[in-house]
Protein backbone atom coordinates (compact mmCIF):
# COMPACT_ATOMS: atom_id res chain seq x y z
CA MET A 1 -20.16 -12.81 -55.73
CA SER A 2 -16.58 -12.26 -54.86
CA ALA A 3 -14.99 -8.92 -55.57
CA ILE A 4 -11.72 -10.71 -56.21
CA VAL A 5 -11.44 -11.05 -59.96
CA GLY A 6 -8.85 -13.23 -61.62
CA ILE A 7 -8.35 -15.35 -58.52
CA THR A 8 -9.67 -18.89 -58.53
CA ASN A 9 -10.55 -21.16 -55.65
CA SER A 10 -11.04 -24.21 -57.85
CA ARG A 11 -8.83 -27.24 -58.10
CA SER A 12 -7.70 -26.31 -61.60
CA SER A 13 -4.33 -27.85 -62.38
CA LYS A 14 -3.35 -24.96 -64.64
CA ILE A 15 -1.86 -21.85 -63.12
CA ASN A 16 -3.53 -18.67 -64.40
CA ASP A 17 -6.38 -20.62 -66.02
CA TYR A 18 -9.26 -18.21 -65.49
CA THR A 19 -11.97 -20.15 -67.28
CA ASP A 20 -13.70 -20.74 -63.94
CA THR A 21 -13.69 -17.04 -62.98
CA ALA A 22 -16.42 -14.53 -63.84
CA LYS A 23 -15.55 -12.59 -67.00
CA ALA A 24 -17.88 -9.80 -65.90
CA TRP A 25 -20.37 -9.10 -63.12
CA CYS A 26 -22.76 -6.36 -62.15
CA ARG A 27 -25.14 -5.35 -59.38
CA PHE A 28 -27.67 -2.71 -60.35
CA ASN A 29 -30.93 -1.00 -59.42
CA GLY A 30 -33.52 -1.64 -62.11
CA ASN A 31 -36.04 0.89 -60.77
CA VAL A 32 -33.70 3.77 -61.58
CA PRO A 33 -31.43 1.90 -64.00
CA SER A 34 -28.07 2.56 -62.40
CA ILE A 35 -25.05 0.38 -61.73
CA ALA A 36 -24.09 0.05 -58.07
CA GLU A 37 -20.98 -2.10 -58.59
CA ASP A 38 -19.48 -3.88 -61.57
CA PHE A 39 -16.49 -5.46 -63.23
CA ASN A 40 -15.99 -5.34 -67.01
CA ILE A 41 -19.33 -3.62 -67.70
CA THR A 42 -19.30 -0.38 -69.71
CA SER A 43 -22.97 0.53 -69.43
CA LEU A 44 -26.50 -0.52 -68.57
CA ASP A 45 -29.32 0.19 -71.03
CA ASP A 46 -32.97 0.28 -69.95
CA GLN A 47 -34.86 -1.60 -72.69
CA GLY A 48 -38.33 -1.16 -71.17
CA THR A 49 -40.11 -2.49 -68.09
CA GLY A 50 -38.01 -5.28 -66.57
CA GLN A 51 -35.65 -5.48 -69.56
CA TYR A 52 -32.00 -4.50 -69.37
CA LYS A 53 -28.95 -4.76 -71.59
CA LEU A 54 -25.46 -4.97 -70.05
CA ASN A 55 -22.64 -3.93 -72.37
CA LEU A 56 -19.27 -5.59 -71.79
CA SER A 57 -16.02 -3.65 -71.98
CA ASP A 58 -13.72 -6.66 -72.48
CA GLN A 59 -15.68 -8.82 -74.91
CA PRO A 60 -15.47 -12.63 -74.84
CA ARG A 61 -13.91 -14.23 -77.91
CA THR A 62 -17.31 -15.63 -78.94
CA GLY A 63 -20.93 -15.18 -78.04
CA ASN A 64 -20.77 -18.57 -76.31
CA PHE A 65 -20.94 -17.64 -72.67
CA CYS A 66 -23.13 -18.22 -69.65
CA ALA A 67 -24.94 -15.41 -67.85
CA VAL A 68 -26.44 -16.06 -64.42
CA ALA A 69 -28.85 -13.55 -62.86
CA CYS A 70 -30.79 -13.13 -59.65
CA SER A 71 -33.13 -10.41 -58.45
CA SER A 72 -35.48 -9.48 -55.64
CA GLN A 73 -38.36 -10.74 -57.84
CA SER A 74 -39.30 -14.38 -58.24
CA MET A 75 -38.08 -14.93 -61.80
CA GLU A 76 -35.24 -13.84 -64.06
CA LEU A 77 -35.17 -14.67 -67.73
CA LEU A 78 -31.94 -14.37 -69.61
CA GLY A 79 -32.47 -13.18 -73.10
CA THR A 80 -30.04 -12.96 -75.92
CA THR A 81 -26.29 -12.97 -75.58
CA ALA A 82 -23.90 -11.41 -78.05
CA SER A 83 -20.14 -11.03 -77.97
CA ALA A 84 -20.54 -7.48 -76.62
CA SER A 85 -23.65 -7.66 -74.43
CA VAL A 86 -26.22 -9.69 -72.53
CA THR A 87 -29.92 -8.87 -72.28
CA ILE A 88 -31.98 -9.98 -69.31
CA GLU A 89 -35.65 -9.74 -68.40
CA ILE A 90 -37.11 -9.73 -64.90
CA ARG A 91 -40.63 -11.10 -64.36
CA ASN A 92 -42.76 -11.29 -61.23
CA GLY A 93 -44.83 -14.21 -59.91
CA SER A 94 -47.65 -13.31 -62.31
CA ASN A 95 -45.22 -13.64 -65.23
CA SER A 96 -45.35 -9.90 -66.00
CA SER A 97 -42.25 -7.88 -66.78
CA THR A 98 -41.32 -5.76 -63.78
CA ASP A 99 -38.61 -3.41 -62.62
CA THR A 100 -36.89 -4.27 -59.36
CA ASP A 101 -34.35 -2.57 -57.15
CA LYS A 102 -31.89 -5.46 -56.78
CA VAL A 103 -30.45 -7.29 -59.79
CA CYS A 104 -27.15 -9.20 -59.93
CA VAL A 105 -25.59 -10.76 -63.03
CA ALA A 106 -22.41 -12.82 -63.48
CA ILE A 107 -21.00 -13.78 -66.88
CA PHE A 108 -18.75 -16.79 -67.46
CA VAL A 109 -17.01 -17.80 -70.68
């Protein structure tokens, strides 16, 4: 993920049209729930083994947004989205919820 926020590399014909730019992003350690780097995230809540809630500081206009996640485990399941947060769940190859040290999430409106 790029650390440059608000800059687009797309072929958008509108100047300052940021619909193709991440509204928020975060990289965190799920073993010791702590944010390493982020943009537009106020906090990270540990919701149990492999389950995390990211709270957004600048909320999208609606709950209609896309959250993309990746981790050092084999599966990520995005849970519910709300206008102020996104909940994700990390599962291993045996389909069991698991904590992991590397989780990245990007949110697009």
